[in-house]
Amino acid sequence: MGIFGRKRRSGGRHAMPERAAVAEAEDDYEEPAPAVTEGPFDVADAPEDGIPRIDLGSVQVPVPDGSQVQVEMDPAAGGVRAVHVVTPHGQVTVSAYAAPKSGGLWAEVGDELTAQLRADGAKVSPGEGEWGFELSALIGDVALRFVGVDGPRWMLRGVIAGPQSLAADAPATLREIVRGTVVVRGDAPMPVRTPLPITLPEAVAQHIAEQQAQQQA
């Protein structure tokens, strides 16, 4: 599964909606990708496929061979801000949010994300992919690709960030991880757009605690 690392930042890079200082806006659309009907999965429909996944409580995320898991801590709250899968093609972050039963949250979020990036001067390319709307953005030499999927009372959003030189292969890596993700929504009522809580496996939490103890020593 790779080496578990730890990363601290003062602000979330991929909060909803996104904010970034970037280059010039653009309206080019990409050609639609072939439709795929399997995955990501609600926990009630998750297959027993033997794929290695890291269990983060609300999401179970595949970790491809050659990848590492990186935990981003929130110093202010004293908890976990996000968990990233660092692949050879970029850093993948998968996040789940509470959504209405009627669905359609990703369409709203995608429109807001597009508008916000353009307002910040982003070079943006909306398009269509396996689950509908996708979004590409260029921030300096860093290429971003966003995808989203509406599920039963949840929305899953995935993003990959990496060098522009690797942008051609990054979307396939992102889609593979999103496609294999399992979402555990739970039954508790939550306001729409509330991030579903992240919990770390015991081994990962212990590794981070040991790192913190070493740093303090």
C-alpha atoms as a PDB file:
ATOM      1  CA  MET A   1       0.000   0.000   0.000  1.00  0.00           C
ATOM      2  CA  GLY A   2       3.020   2.236   0.145  1.00  0.00           C
ATOM      3  CA  ILE A   3       4.450   4.566   2.753  1.00  0.00           C
ATOM      4  CA  PHE A   4       2.102   6.578   4.911  1.00  0.00           C
ATOM      5  CA  GLY A   5       3.174  10.212   4.998  1.00  0.00           C
ATOM      6  CA  ARG A   6       1.819  13.280   6.688  1.00  0.00           C
ATOM      7  CA  LYS A   7       1.309  16.789   5.386  1.00  0.00           C
ATOM      8  CA  ARG A   8       0.144  19.982   7.070  1.00  0.00           C
ATOM      9  CA  ARG A   9      -1.374  23.036   5.424  1.00  0.00           C
ATOM     10  CA  SER A  10      -3.101  26.099   6.741  1.00  0.00           C
ATOM     11  CA  GLY A  11      -5.960  25.928   4.240  1.00  0.00           C
ATOM     12  CA  GLY A  12      -7.747  23.298   2.161  1.00  0.00           C
ATOM     13  CA  ARG A  13      -6.644  23.340  -1.430  1.00  0.00           C
ATOM     14  CA  HIS A  14      -9.774  21.698  -2.749  1.00  0.00           C
ATOM     15  CA  ALA A  15     -12.567  23.168  -0.621  1.00  0.00           C
ATOM     16  CA  MET A  16     -16.060  23.523  -2.124  1.00  0.00           C
ATOM     17  CA  PRO A  17     -16.159  25.645  -4.220  1.00  0.00           C
ATOM     18  CA  GLU A  18     -12.507  25.824  -5.347  1.00  0.00           C
ATOM     19  CA  ARG A  19     -10.412  29.024  -5.275  1.00  0.00           C
ATOM     20  CA  ALA A  20      -7.131  29.439  -7.102  1.00  0.00           C
ATOM     21  CA  ALA A  21      -4.939  32.084  -8.704  1.00  0.00           C
ATOM     22  CA  VAL A  22      -4.372  30.858 -12.233  1.00  0.00           C
ATOM     23  CA  ALA A  23      -3.956  31.711 -15.914  1.00  0.00           C
ATOM     24  CA  GLU A  24      -6.449  32.651 -18.678  1.00  0.00           C
ATOM     25  CA  ALA A  25      -9.971  31.231 -19.136  1.00  0.00           C
ATOM     26  CA  GLU A  26     -10.995  29.027 -21.989  1.00  0.00           C
ATOM     27  CA  ASP A  27     -14.231  27.314 -23.096  1.00  0.00           C
ATOM     28  CA  ASP A  28     -12.968  24.303 -25.072  1.00  0.00           C
ATOM     29  CA  TYR A  29     -14.979  21.128 -24.576  1.00  0.00           C
ATOM     30  CA  GLU A  30     -13.494  17.662 -24.705  1.00  0.00           C
ATOM     31  CA  GLU A  31     -14.896  14.732 -26.634  1.00  0.00           C
ATOM     32  CA  PRO A  32     -17.169  12.514 -24.491  1.00  0.00           C
ATOM     33  CA  ALA A  33     -15.545   9.369 -23.113  1.00  0.00           C
ATOM     34  CA  PRO A  34     -17.277   5.962 -23.394  1.00  0.00           C
ATOM     35  CA  ALA A  35     -20.025   5.460 -20.822  1.00  0.00           C
ATOM     36  CA  VAL A  36     -19.228   3.268 -17.830  1.00  0.00           C
ATOM     37  CA  THR A  37     -22.017   2.042 -15.575  1.00  0.00           C
ATOM     38  CA  GLU A  38     -20.098   0.314 -12.765  1.00  0.00           C
ATOM     39  CA  GLY A  39     -18.678   2.164  -9.772  1.00  0.00           C
ATOM     40  CA  PRO A  40     -18.263   4.040  -7.592  1.00  0.00           C
ATOM     41  CA  PHE A  41     -20.392   2.015  -5.185  1.00  0.00           C
ATOM     42  CA  ASP A  42     -22.662   2.607  -2.259  1.00  0.00           C
ATOM     43  CA  VAL A  43     -21.656   0.272   0.557  1.00  0.00           C
ATOM     44  CA  ALA A  44     -24.962  -1.592   0.138  1.00  0.00           C
ATOM     45  CA  ASP A  45     -23.960  -2.523  -3.420  1.00  0.00           C
ATOM     46  CA  ALA A  46     -20.202  -2.912  -3.002  1.00  0.00           C
ATOM     47  CA  PRO A  47     -18.752  -5.938  -4.803  1.00  0.00           C
ATOM     48  CA  GLU A  48     -16.419  -8.473  -3.226  1.00  0.00           C
ATOM     49  CA  ASP A  49     -13.761  -7.906  -5.867  1.00  0.00           C
ATOM     50  CA  GLY A  50     -10.592  -8.239  -3.782  1.00  0.00           C
ATOM     51  CA  ILE A  51      -9.342  -4.762  -4.743  1.00  0.00           C
ATOM     52  CA  PRO A  52      -7.050  -3.338  -2.000  1.00  0.00           C
ATOM     53  CA  ARG A  53      -8.727  -0.265  -0.479  1.00  0.00           C
ATOM     54  CA  ILE A  54      -7.844   1.993   2.421  1.00  0.00           C
ATOM     55  CA  ASP A  55     -10.817   2.246   4.781  1.00  0.00           C
ATOM     56  CA  LEU A  56     -11.366   5.886   5.733  1.00  0.00           C
ATOM     57  CA  GLY A  57     -14.754   5.405   7.341  1.00  0.00           C
ATOM     58  CA  SER A  58     -16.988   7.282   4.920  1.00  0.00           C
ATOM     59  CA  VAL A  59     -15.019   6.137   1.866  1.00  0.00           C
ATOM     60  CA  GLN A  60     -13.019   3.052   0.999  1.00  0.00           C
ATOM     61  CA  VAL A  61     -10.503   4.149  -1.622  1.00  0.00           C
ATOM     62  CA  PRO A  62      -8.448   1.892  -3.921  1.00  0.00           C
ATOM     63  CA  VAL A  63      -4.666   2.261  -3.654  1.00  0.00           C
ATOM     64  CA  PRO A  64      -3.067   1.174  -6.963  1.00  0.00           C
ATOM     65  CA  ASP A  65       0.303  -0.557  -7.030  1.00  0.00           C
ATOM     66  CA  GLY A  66       3.162   1.920  -6.851  1.00  0.00           C
ATOM     67  CA  SER A  67       1.065   4.519  -4.994  1.00  0.00           C
ATOM     68  CA  GLN A  68       1.433   6.010  -1.537  1.00  0.00           C
ATOM     69  CA  VAL A  69      -1.138   7.251   0.957  1.00  0.00           C
ATOM     70  CA  GLN A  70      -0.585  10.745   2.364  1.00  0.00           C
ATOM     71  CA  VAL A  71      -2.548  12.133   5.293  1.00  0.00           C
ATOM     72  CA  GLU A  72      -3.141  15.879   5.486  1.00  0.00           C
ATOM     73  CA  MET A  73      -3.719  17.039   9.043  1.00  0.00           C
ATOM     74  CA  ASP A  74      -5.767  20.018  10.198  1.00  0.00           C
ATOM     75  CA  PRO A  75      -3.686  21.711  12.929  1.00  0.00           C
ATOM     76  CA  ALA A  76      -6.519  24.015  14.008  1.00  0.00           C
ATOM     77  CA  ALA A  77      -9.097  21.259  14.464  1.00  0.00           C
ATOM     78  CA  GLY A  78      -6.599  18.625  15.514  1.00  0.00           C
ATOM     79  CA  GLY A  79      -7.992  16.101  13.061  1.00  0.00           C
ATOM     80  CA  VAL A  80      -7.656  14.896   9.481  1.00  0.00           C
ATOM     81  CA  ARG A  81      -8.302  17.362   6.674  1.00  0.00           C
ATOM     82  CA  ALA A  82      -7.924  14.956   3.754  1.00  0.00           C
ATOM     83  CA  VAL A  83      -6.282  11.745   2.630  1.00  0.00           C
ATOM     84  CA  HIS A  84      -4.488  11.656  -0.723  1.00  0.00           C
ATOM     85  CA  VAL A  85      -3.381   8.786  -2.930  1.00  0.00           C
ATOM     86  CA  VAL A  86      -0.098   9.823  -4.535  1.00  0.00           C
ATOM     87  CA  THR A  87       0.260   8.044  -7.882  1.00  0.00           C
ATOM     88  CA  PRO A  88       2.929   8.274 -10.594  1.00  0.00           C
ATOM     89  CA  HIS A  89       0.570  10.585 -12.532  1.00  0.00           C
ATOM     90  CA  GLY A  90      -0.414  12.932  -9.715  1.00  0.00           C
ATOM     91  CA  GLN A  91      -2.057  13.264  -6.328  1.00  0.00           C
ATOM     92  CA  VAL A  92      -5.628  11.968  -6.158  1.00  0.00           C
ATOM     93  CA  THR A  93      -8.074  13.195  -3.525  1.00  0.00           C
ATOM     94  CA  VAL A  94     -11.506  11.584  -3.187  1.00  0.00           C
ATOM     95  CA  SER A  95     -14.099  13.253  -0.956  1.00  0.00           C
ATOM     96  CA  ALA A  96     -17.716  12.351  -0.146  1.00  0.00           C
ATOM     97  CA  TYR A  97     -20.466  14.796   0.833  1.00  0.00           C
ATOM     98  CA  ALA A  98     -24.032  14.564   2.063  1.00  0.00           C
ATOM     99  CA  ALA A  99     -26.459  15.132  -0.795  1.00  0.00           C
ATOM    100  CA  PRO A 100     -30.227  15.369  -1.294  1.00  0.00           C
ATOM    101  CA  LYS A 101     -32.244  12.275  -2.134  1.00  0.00           C
ATOM    102  CA  SER A 102     -33.153  13.886  -5.455  1.00  0.00           C
ATOM    103  CA  GLY A 103     -29.483  13.947  -6.525  1.00  0.00           C
ATOM    104  CA  GLY A 104     -28.060  16.554  -8.869  1.00  0.00           C
ATOM    105  CA  LEU A 105     -25.566  18.053  -6.398  1.00  0.00           C
ATOM    106  CA  TRP A 106     -22.544  17.500  -8.641  1.00  0.00           C
ATOM    107  CA  ALA A 107     -24.139  19.561 -11.430  1.00  0.00           C
ATOM    108  CA  GLU A 108     -24.508  22.482  -9.014  1.00  0.00           C
ATOM    109  CA  VAL A 109     -21.015  22.102  -7.580  1.00  0.00           C
ATOM    110  CA  GLY A 110     -19.497  21.689 -11.047  1.00  0.00           C
ATOM    111  CA  ASP A 111     -21.107  24.913 -12.277  1.00  0.00           C
ATOM    112  CA  GLU A 112     -19.904  26.793  -9.191  1.00  0.00           C
ATOM    113  CA  LEU A 113     -16.417  25.374  -9.539  1.00  0.00           C
ATOM    114  CA  THR A 114     -16.232  26.382 -13.210  1.00  0.00           C
ATOM    115  CA  ALA A 115     -17.443  29.908 -12.486  1.00  0.00           C
ATOM    116  CA  GLN A 116     -15.074  30.346  -9.557  1.00  0.00           C
ATOM    117  CA  LEU A 117     -12.017  29.179 -11.473  1.00  0.00           C
ATOM    118  CA  ARG A 118     -12.865  31.473 -14.368  1.00  0.00           C
ATOM    119  CA  ALA A 119     -13.396  34.387 -11.999  1.00  0.00           C
ATOM    120  CA  ASP A 120      -9.876  33.756 -10.710  1.00  0.00           C
ATOM    121  CA  GLY A 121      -8.513  33.764 -14.267  1.00  0.00           C
ATOM    122  CA  ALA A 122      -8.156  30.005 -14.668  1.00  0.00           C
ATOM    123  CA  LYS A 123      -7.483  28.210 -17.906  1.00  0.00           C
ATOM    124  CA  VAL A 124     -10.530  25.950 -17.757  1.00  0.00           C
ATOM    125  CA  SER A 125     -11.825  23.200 -20.041  1.00  0.00           C
ATOM    126  CA  PRO A 126     -15.236  21.701 -19.134  1.00  0.00           C
ATOM    127  CA  GLY A 127     -16.152  18.426 -20.778  1.00  0.00           C
ATOM    128  CA  GLU A 128     -17.976  15.101 -20.524  1.00  0.00           C
ATOM    129  CA  GLY A 129     -16.685  11.823 -19.157  1.00  0.00           C
ATOM    130  CA  GLU A 130     -17.827   8.526 -17.679  1.00  0.00           C
ATOM    131  CA  TRP A 131     -20.199  10.093 -15.148  1.00  0.00           C
ATOM    132  CA  GLY A 132     -21.138  13.222 -17.067  1.00  0.00           C
ATOM    133  CA  PHE A 133     -19.573  16.596 -16.374  1.00  0.00           C
ATOM    134  CA  GLU A 134     -15.803  16.767 -15.863  1.00  0.00           C
ATOM    135  CA  LEU A 135     -13.562  19.780 -15.492  1.00  0.00           C
ATOM    136  CA  SER A 136      -9.916  20.389 -16.369  1.00  0.00           C
ATOM    137  CA  ALA A 137      -7.987  23.415 -15.119  1.00  0.00           C
ATOM    138  CA  LEU A 138      -4.420  24.644 -15.469  1.00  0.00           C
ATOM    139  CA  ILE A 139      -2.715  26.426 -12.573  1.00  0.00           C
ATOM    140  CA  GLY A 140       0.749  27.418 -13.712  1.00  0.00           C
ATOM    141  CA  ASP A 141       2.389  24.109 -14.556  1.00  0.00           C
ATOM    142  CA  VAL A 142      -0.067  22.102 -12.418  1.00  0.00           C
ATOM    143  CA  ALA A 143      -2.922  20.372 -14.242  1.00  0.00           C
ATOM    144  CA  LEU A 144      -6.133  19.524 -12.370  1.00  0.00           C
ATOM    145  CA  ARG A 145      -8.963  17.201 -13.379  1.00  0.00           C
ATOM    146  CA  PHE A 146     -12.232  17.051 -11.419  1.00  0.00           C
ATOM    147  CA  VAL A 147     -14.963  14.400 -11.664  1.00  0.00           C
ATOM    148  CA  GLY A 148     -18.108  13.916  -9.622  1.00  0.00           C
ATOM    149  CA  VAL A 149     -20.728  11.228  -9.103  1.00  0.00           C
ATOM    150  CA  ASP A 150     -24.172  11.509  -7.511  1.00  0.00           C
ATOM    151  CA  GLY A 151     -25.134   8.522  -5.349  1.00  0.00           C
ATOM    152  CA  PRO A 152     -27.932   7.708  -2.891  1.00  0.00           C
ATOM    153  CA  ARG A 153     -27.827  10.685  -0.482  1.00  0.00           C
ATOM    154  CA  TRP A 154     -24.150  11.260  -1.223  1.00  0.00           C
ATOM    155  CA  MET A 155     -21.957  12.935  -3.798  1.00  0.00           C
ATOM    156  CA  LEU A 156     -18.425  11.766  -4.503  1.00  0.00           C
ATOM    157  CA  ARG A 157     -15.879  14.190  -5.895  1.00  0.00           C
ATOM    158  CA  GLY A 158     -12.436  13.234  -7.146  1.00  0.00           C
ATOM    159  CA  VAL A 159      -9.557  15.440  -8.251  1.00  0.00           C
ATOM    160  CA  ILE A 160      -6.062  14.690  -9.499  1.00  0.00           C
ATOM    161  CA  ALA A 161      -3.303  17.295  -9.415  1.00  0.00           C
ATOM    162  CA  GLY A 162       0.007  16.818 -11.159  1.00  0.00           C
ATOM    163  CA  PRO A 163       2.524  18.286 -13.606  1.00  0.00           C
ATOM    164  CA  GLN A 164       1.135  19.421 -16.922  1.00  0.00           C
ATOM    165  CA  SER A 165       3.594  17.045 -18.613  1.00  0.00           C
ATOM    166  CA  LEU A 166       1.674  14.082 -17.108  1.00  0.00           C
ATOM    167  CA  ALA A 167      -1.815  15.451 -17.775  1.00  0.00           C
ATOM    168  CA  ALA A 168      -2.529  13.041 -20.645  1.00  0.00           C
ATOM    169  CA  ASP A 169      -2.465   9.973 -18.373  1.00  0.00           C
ATOM    170  CA  ALA A 170      -3.835  11.580 -15.203  1.00  0.00           C
ATOM    171  CA  PRO A 171      -7.583  11.353 -16.012  1.00  0.00           C
ATOM    172  CA  ALA A 172      -7.455   7.579 -16.470  1.00  0.00           C
ATOM    173  CA  THR A 173      -5.739   7.204 -13.094  1.00  0.00           C
ATOM    174  CA  LEU A 174      -8.351   9.414 -11.432  1.00  0.00           C
ATOM    175  CA  ARG A 175     -11.258   7.541 -13.007  1.00  0.00           C
ATOM    176  CA  GLU A 176      -9.812   4.170 -11.976  1.00  0.00           C
ATOM    177  CA  ILE A 177      -9.651   5.239  -8.327  1.00  0.00           C
ATOM    178  CA  VAL A 178     -13.074   6.916  -8.325  1.00  0.00           C
ATOM    179  CA  ARG A 179     -14.635   3.931 -10.103  1.00  0.00           C
ATOM    180  CA  GLY A 180     -13.408   1.562  -7.411  1.00  0.00           C
ATOM    181  CA  THR A 181     -14.347   3.723  -4.419  1.00  0.00           C
ATOM    182  CA  VAL A 182     -17.013   2.570  -1.951  1.00  0.00           C
ATOM    183  CA  VAL A 183     -19.048   5.234  -0.105  1.00  0.00           C
ATOM    184  CA  VAL A 184     -20.411   4.642   3.404  1.00  0.00           C
ATOM    185  CA  ARG A 185     -23.001   7.404   3.861  1.00  0.00           C
ATOM    186  CA  GLY A 186     -24.535   6.256   7.142  1.00  0.00           C
ATOM    187  CA  ASP A 187     -28.059   7.018   8.312  1.00  0.00           C
ATOM    188  CA  ALA A 188     -27.427  10.192  10.295  1.00  0.00           C
ATOM    189  CA  PRO A 189     -29.146  13.319   8.922  1.00  0.00           C
ATOM    190  CA  MET A 190     -26.668  15.891   7.599  1.00  0.00           C
ATOM    191  CA  PRO A 191     -27.008  19.246   5.865  1.00  0.00           C
ATOM    192  CA  VAL A 192     -26.431  19.021   2.129  1.00  0.00           C
ATOM    193  CA  ARG A 193     -22.744  19.499   1.197  1.00  0.00           C
ATOM    194  CA  THR A 194     -21.479  18.452   4.606  1.00  0.00           C
ATOM    195  CA  PRO A 195     -18.243  16.455   4.142  1.00  0.00           C
ATOM    196  CA  LEU A 196     -18.657  12.881   5.322  1.00  0.00           C
ATOM    197  CA  PRO A 197     -16.258  12.251   8.222  1.00  0.00           C
ATOM    198  CA  ILE A 198     -12.847  10.679   7.650  1.00  0.00           C
ATOM    199  CA  THR A 199     -11.433   8.158  10.106  1.00  0.00           C
ATOM    200  CA  LEU A 200      -7.993   6.604   9.782  1.00  0.00           C
ATOM    201  CA  PRO A 201      -7.182   2.905  10.047  1.00  0.00           C
ATOM    202  CA  GLU A 202      -5.479   2.088  13.332  1.00  0.00           C
ATOM    203  CA  ALA A 203      -2.127   1.337  11.673  1.00  0.00           C
ATOM    204  CA  VAL A 204      -2.118   4.699   9.879  1.00  0.00           C
ATOM    205  CA  ALA A 205      -3.144   6.629  12.987  1.00  0.00           C
ATOM    206  CA  GLN A 206      -0.392   4.899  14.968  1.00  0.00           C
ATOM    207  CA  HIS A 207       2.187   5.725  12.279  1.00  0.00           C
ATOM    208  CA  ILE A 208       1.229   9.409  12.417  1.00  0.00           C
ATOM    209  CA  ALA A 209       1.340   9.420  16.212  1.00  0.00           C
ATOM    210  CA  GLU A 210       4.867   7.965  16.114  1.00  0.00           C
ATOM    211  CA  GLN A 211       5.956  10.633  13.609  1.00  0.00           C
ATOM    212  CA  GLN A 212       4.555  13.375  15.818  1.00  0.00           C
ATOM    213  CA  ALA A 213       6.331  11.938  18.860  1.00  0.00           C
ATOM    214  CA  GLN A 214       9.643  11.829  16.975  1.00  0.00           C
ATOM    215  CA  GLN A 215       9.254  15.438  15.871  1.00  0.00           C
ATOM    216  CA  GLN A 216       8.472  16.578  19.402  1.00  0.00           C
ATOM    217  CA  ALA A 217      11.480  14.676  20.726  1.00  0.00           C
END
